[in-house]
């Protein structure tokens, strides 16, 4: 299946996380299994679409996938009928890795991305697609009245591409509609903002606790520095680079409650 004709409207980097997960799943001792990612990659002709973001990017994708998967699985043990809201879903395959047969899931992304997602995923009574920008608050109406305490929000590889004003708007909307919800997302260190590294990042944090300054409803529950995750997969050079705080904390995974 060729997807090169969608390059004008869908980011070429959209496929990097998918390719990383598929490659990991095919290892003899994978960190996680992801048959769906392998299946999708086998079907597509990527042309000149970027599918390799480099070693640092690869480690970051693996780390955040592992951490967020494990965290959500813990929540599902306690609340099996949780509602998962995946912001900037792209071609994320997490639903296939964590589905317990009881959860509900809303996958949100831009119309062109959701159109691509429909080629590989189907909606059903528990899985729903929303073709809107995360900045378009009207998407919240499609969910109706929901008890925020049953909601888990994911924003993986997303928020660093928005300005701080946009970030504040996003958190304000989420806090207003899903009070008590838990949220997992990754942030980059502010050192990398405007450096043109990999992509154009617009927002970052030096310390995880700074996230609470963006909205009075935010409470930091936990955080993970990427440099401390999956150390067995890091090269000697990689581990030496982690001596520098800006490198060790180049990206963090945050768990907040709103």
Protein backbone atom coordinates (compact mmCIF):
# COMPACT_ATOMS: atom_id res chain seq x y z
CA UNK A 1 0.00 0.00 0.00
CA UNK A 2 1.53 3.29 -1.07
CA UNK A 3 1.14 6.27 1.22
CA UNK A 4 3.56 8.63 -0.46
CA UNK A 5 0.69 10.66 -1.97
CA UNK A 6 -0.24 11.81 1.54
CA UNK A 7 3.12 13.42 2.25
CA UNK A 8 1.81 16.90 1.49
CA UNK A 9 -0.72 16.79 4.30
CA UNK A 10 0.67 14.27 6.77
CA UNK A 11 3.96 14.86 8.55
CA UNK A 12 6.77 12.67 7.24
CA UNK A 13 7.88 12.04 10.82
CA UNK A 14 4.51 10.48 11.66
CA UNK A 15 5.89 7.05 10.83
CA UNK A 16 9.01 7.15 13.01
CA UNK A 17 7.36 5.88 16.25
CA UNK A 18 5.52 3.19 14.30
CA UNK A 19 8.72 1.97 12.63
CA UNK A 20 10.60 2.00 15.94
CA UNK A 21 7.95 -0.11 17.67
CA UNK A 22 7.77 -2.55 14.76
CA UNK A 23 11.54 -2.96 14.76
CA UNK A 24 11.58 -3.52 18.52
CA UNK A 25 8.78 -6.08 18.33
CA UNK A 26 10.82 -8.19 15.91
CA UNK A 27 13.83 -8.46 18.23
CA UNK A 28 14.53 -11.80 19.90
CA UNK A 29 13.95 -10.27 23.34
CA UNK A 30 11.72 -7.24 22.77
CA UNK A 31 10.88 -4.71 25.46
CA UNK A 32 7.26 -5.02 24.39
CA UNK A 33 5.24 -6.85 21.75
CA UNK A 34 3.52 -4.92 18.98
CA UNK A 35 2.12 -7.18 16.28
CA UNK A 36 -0.04 -4.37 14.89
CA UNK A 37 2.96 -2.13 14.25
CA UNK A 38 4.72 -4.97 12.44
CA UNK A 39 1.59 -5.61 10.40
CA UNK A 40 1.21 -1.97 9.33
CA UNK A 41 4.86 -1.47 8.42
CA UNK A 42 4.72 -4.61 6.28
CA UNK A 43 1.80 -3.14 4.31
CA UNK A 44 3.13 0.29 3.46
CA UNK A 45 5.52 1.66 0.87
CA UNK A 46 7.11 4.58 2.64
CA UNK A 47 9.09 6.06 -0.26
CA UNK A 48 11.13 8.97 1.11
CA UNK A 49 9.05 9.25 4.28
CA UNK A 50 11.28 9.39 7.34
CA UNK A 51 11.16 6.15 9.34
CA UNK A 52 14.43 6.50 11.28
CA UNK A 53 14.89 9.36 13.70
CA UNK A 54 18.30 8.29 14.99
CA UNK A 55 19.49 6.46 18.11
CA UNK A 56 18.51 9.14 20.62
CA UNK A 57 15.02 9.46 19.18
CA UNK A 58 14.64 5.67 19.06
CA UNK A 59 15.56 5.31 22.72
CA UNK A 60 13.11 8.05 23.66
CA UNK A 61 10.27 6.36 21.78
CA UNK A 62 11.00 2.98 23.36
CA UNK A 63 11.27 4.51 26.83
CA UNK A 64 8.02 6.45 26.71
CA UNK A 65 6.19 3.50 25.14
CA UNK A 66 7.34 1.16 27.90
CA UNK A 67 6.66 3.57 30.77
CA UNK A 68 3.22 4.69 29.61
CA UNK A 69 2.13 1.15 28.69
CA UNK A 70 3.10 -0.14 32.13
CA UNK A 71 1.41 2.76 33.92
CA UNK A 72 -1.86 2.38 32.06
CA UNK A 73 -1.90 -1.37 32.60
CA UNK A 74 -1.66 -0.71 36.35
CA UNK A 75 -4.62 1.66 36.17
CA UNK A 76 -6.65 -0.86 34.20
CA UNK A 77 -6.13 -3.48 36.89
CA UNK A 78 -7.91 -1.16 39.33
CA UNK A 79 -10.35 0.43 36.86
CA UNK A 80 -10.83 -1.97 33.91
CA UNK A 81 -13.52 0.20 32.33
CA UNK A 82 -11.34 3.32 32.16
CA UNK A 83 -11.76 5.80 29.32
CA UNK A 84 -8.54 6.39 27.39
CA UNK A 85 -8.23 9.66 25.46
CA UNK A 86 -5.29 9.62 23.05
CA UNK A 87 -4.38 13.13 21.89
CA UNK A 88 -2.38 13.25 18.66
CA UNK A 89 -3.01 9.54 18.08
CA UNK A 90 -1.23 9.32 14.72
CA UNK A 91 -0.61 5.64 13.99
CA UNK A 92 -0.25 4.77 17.65
CA UNK A 93 -0.89 1.08 18.35
CA UNK A 94 -1.22 1.24 22.13
CA UNK A 95 -4.88 0.19 22.06
CA UNK A 96 -3.75 -3.16 20.61
CA UNK A 97 -1.20 -3.63 23.39
CA UNK A 98 -3.34 -2.69 26.38
CA UNK A 99 -6.92 -3.56 25.41
CA UNK A 100 -8.55 -5.56 28.18
CA UNK A 101 -11.93 -5.91 26.49
CA UNK A 102 -13.56 -3.38 28.82
CA UNK A 103 -11.88 -0.01 28.32
CA UNK A 104 -13.16 2.69 25.97
CA UNK A 105 -10.81 4.71 23.79
CA UNK A 106 -11.05 7.99 21.89
CA UNK A 107 -8.30 8.54 19.30
CA UNK A 108 -7.96 12.22 18.31
CA UNK A 109 -5.88 13.74 15.53
CA UNK A 110 -6.12 16.03 12.51
CA UNK A 111 -8.52 14.92 9.74
CA UNK A 112 -5.77 13.84 7.32
CA UNK A 113 -4.10 11.75 10.00
CA UNK A 114 -7.34 10.09 11.09
CA UNK A 115 -8.09 9.34 7.42
CA UNK A 116 -4.76 7.52 7.26
CA UNK A 117 -5.44 5.79 10.57
CA UNK A 118 -8.71 4.41 9.20
CA UNK A 119 -6.72 2.42 6.64
CA UNK A 120 -5.30 0.27 9.42
CA UNK A 121 -7.68 0.56 12.36
CA UNK A 122 -11.45 0.20 12.69
CA UNK A 123 -13.84 1.88 15.08
CA UNK A 124 -16.18 -0.22 17.19
CA UNK A 125 -18.46 0.21 20.19
CA UNK A 126 -15.45 0.91 22.43
CA UNK A 127 -12.97 2.61 20.08
CA UNK A 128 -13.82 5.94 18.47
CA UNK A 129 -11.94 8.35 16.17
CA UNK A 130 -12.17 12.14 16.40
CA UNK A 131 -10.94 14.14 13.39
CA UNK A 132 -10.07 17.44 15.01
CA UNK A 133 -7.18 19.49 16.32
CA UNK A 134 -6.51 19.26 20.03
CA UNK A 135 -6.88 23.06 20.04
CA UNK A 136 -10.44 22.80 18.73
CA UNK A 137 -12.42 22.54 21.95
CA UNK A 138 -15.50 21.26 20.13
CA UNK A 139 -14.03 17.74 20.21
CA UNK A 140 -14.90 17.62 23.89
CA UNK A 141 -18.61 17.73 23.06
CA UNK A 142 -18.35 14.47 21.17
CA UNK A 143 -17.53 12.66 24.40
CA UNK A 144 -20.60 13.88 26.28
CA UNK A 145 -20.67 13.87 30.08
CA UNK A 146 -17.81 11.82 31.50
CA UNK A 147 -16.61 11.29 35.05
CA UNK A 148 -13.06 12.64 34.93
CA UNK A 149 -11.90 10.20 37.60
CA UNK A 150 -12.37 7.38 35.08
CA UNK A 151 -10.33 9.15 32.38
CA UNK A 152 -6.71 8.61 31.38
CA UNK A 153 -5.32 11.10 28.86
CA UNK A 154 -2.25 10.43 26.73
CA UNK A 155 -0.35 13.06 24.75
CA UNK A 156 2.72 11.25 23.48
CA UNK A 157 5.17 13.12 21.26
CA UNK A 158 2.73 16.01 20.94
CA UNK A 159 2.90 18.93 23.34
CA UNK A 160 6.41 20.13 22.47
CA UNK A 161 5.09 21.28 19.09
CA UNK A 162 2.75 23.85 20.67
CA UNK A 163 3.46 27.26 22.17
CA UNK A 164 3.14 27.75 25.91
CA UNK A 165 -0.08 29.71 25.37
CA UNK A 166 -1.52 26.78 23.43
CA UNK A 167 -0.37 24.38 26.15
CA UNK A 168 -2.18 26.45 28.77
CA UNK A 169 -5.34 26.41 26.66
CA UNK A 170 -5.13 22.62 26.31
CA UNK A 171 -4.69 22.06 30.04
CA UNK A 172 -7.46 24.53 30.86
CA UNK A 173 -9.92 22.70 28.60
CA UNK A 174 -8.92 19.29 29.95
CA UNK A 175 -9.16 20.42 33.57
CA UNK A 176 -12.60 21.96 32.97
CA UNK A 177 -14.02 18.80 31.39
CA UNK A 178 -12.18 15.95 33.12
CA UNK A 179 -11.60 16.96 36.73
CA UNK A 180 -9.64 14.27 38.51
CA UNK A 181 -8.33 12.67 35.31
CA UNK A 182 -4.80 11.31 35.05
CA UNK A 183 -2.59 12.33 32.15
CA UNK A 184 0.67 11.00 30.72
CA UNK A 185 2.84 12.92 28.27
CA UNK A 186 6.45 13.65 27.40
CA UNK A 187 8.23 16.99 27.44
CA UNK A 188 11.62 18.09 26.12
CA UNK A 189 14.19 20.11 28.02
CA UNK A 190 13.97 23.83 27.30
CA UNK A 191 17.64 23.67 26.25
CA UNK A 192 16.50 22.18 22.95
CA UNK A 193 13.83 24.76 22.14
CA UNK A 194 14.58 26.55 18.89
CA UNK A 195 17.69 24.46 18.24
CA UNK A 196 16.23 22.76 15.16
CA UNK A 197 16.98 19.33 16.62
CA UNK A 198 14.91 16.67 14.80
CA UNK A 199 11.90 18.97 14.54
CA UNK A 200 10.93 22.45 15.60
CA UNK A 201 10.08 22.29 19.29
CA UNK A 202 8.21 25.27 20.73
CA UNK A 203 7.82 24.36 24.39
CA UNK A 204 9.83 22.57 27.04
CA UNK A 205 10.54 22.28 30.76
CA UNK A 206 13.75 22.08 32.76
CA UNK A 207 12.14 20.51 35.82
CA UNK A 208 9.01 18.38 35.94
CA UNK A 209 7.57 20.35 38.87
CA UNK A 210 7.35 23.42 36.63
CA UNK A 211 4.30 21.87 34.95
CA UNK A 212 2.18 22.89 37.95
CA UNK A 213 2.75 26.57 37.12
CA UNK A 214 0.72 26.26 33.91
CA UNK A 215 -2.61 25.59 35.60
CA UNK A 216 -3.72 25.65 39.26
CA UNK A 217 -5.51 22.31 38.78
CA UNK A 218 -2.37 20.43 37.78
CA UNK A 219 -0.71 18.17 40.34
CA UNK A 220 2.50 16.36 39.41
CA UNK A 221 2.19 12.71 40.41
CA UNK A 222 5.40 11.26 38.99
CA UNK A 223 8.09 11.84 36.39
CA UNK A 224 10.74 9.81 34.60
CA UNK A 225 13.91 11.18 33.00
CA UNK A 226 14.51 9.45 29.69
CA UNK A 227 18.17 9.01 30.63
CA UNK A 228 17.11 6.81 33.56
CA UNK A 229 14.86 4.51 31.53
CA UNK A 230 16.04 1.34 29.72
CA UNK A 231 19.66 1.89 30.72
CA UNK A 232 20.58 -1.59 29.48
CA UNK A 233 19.83 -0.38 25.96
CA UNK A 234 22.09 2.66 26.20
CA UNK A 235 25.57 2.68 24.69
CA UNK A 236 28.61 3.70 26.76
CA UNK A 237 28.71 7.06 24.98
CA UNK A 238 25.02 7.51 25.67
CA UNK A 239 25.50 6.82 29.39
CA UNK A 240 28.46 9.21 29.54
CA UNK A 241 26.35 11.94 27.95
CA UNK A 242 23.79 11.45 30.70
CA UNK A 243 26.23 13.03 33.16
CA UNK A 244 25.01 16.39 31.84
CA UNK A 245 21.58 17.32 33.28
CA UNK A 246 20.43 18.82 29.96
CA UNK A 247 21.20 15.51 28.25
CA UNK A 248 19.96 13.18 30.97
CA UNK A 249 16.75 15.19 31.19
CA UNK A 250 16.55 15.97 27.47
CA UNK A 251 13.10 14.44 27.64
CA UNK A 252 10.89 13.51 30.55
CA UNK A 253 7.69 11.55 30.90
CA UNK A 254 5.21 13.20 33.24
CA UNK A 255 2.21 11.81 35.09
CA UNK A 256 -0.14 14.51 36.32
CA UNK A 257 -3.63 14.68 37.73
CA UNK A 258 -5.89 17.55 36.70
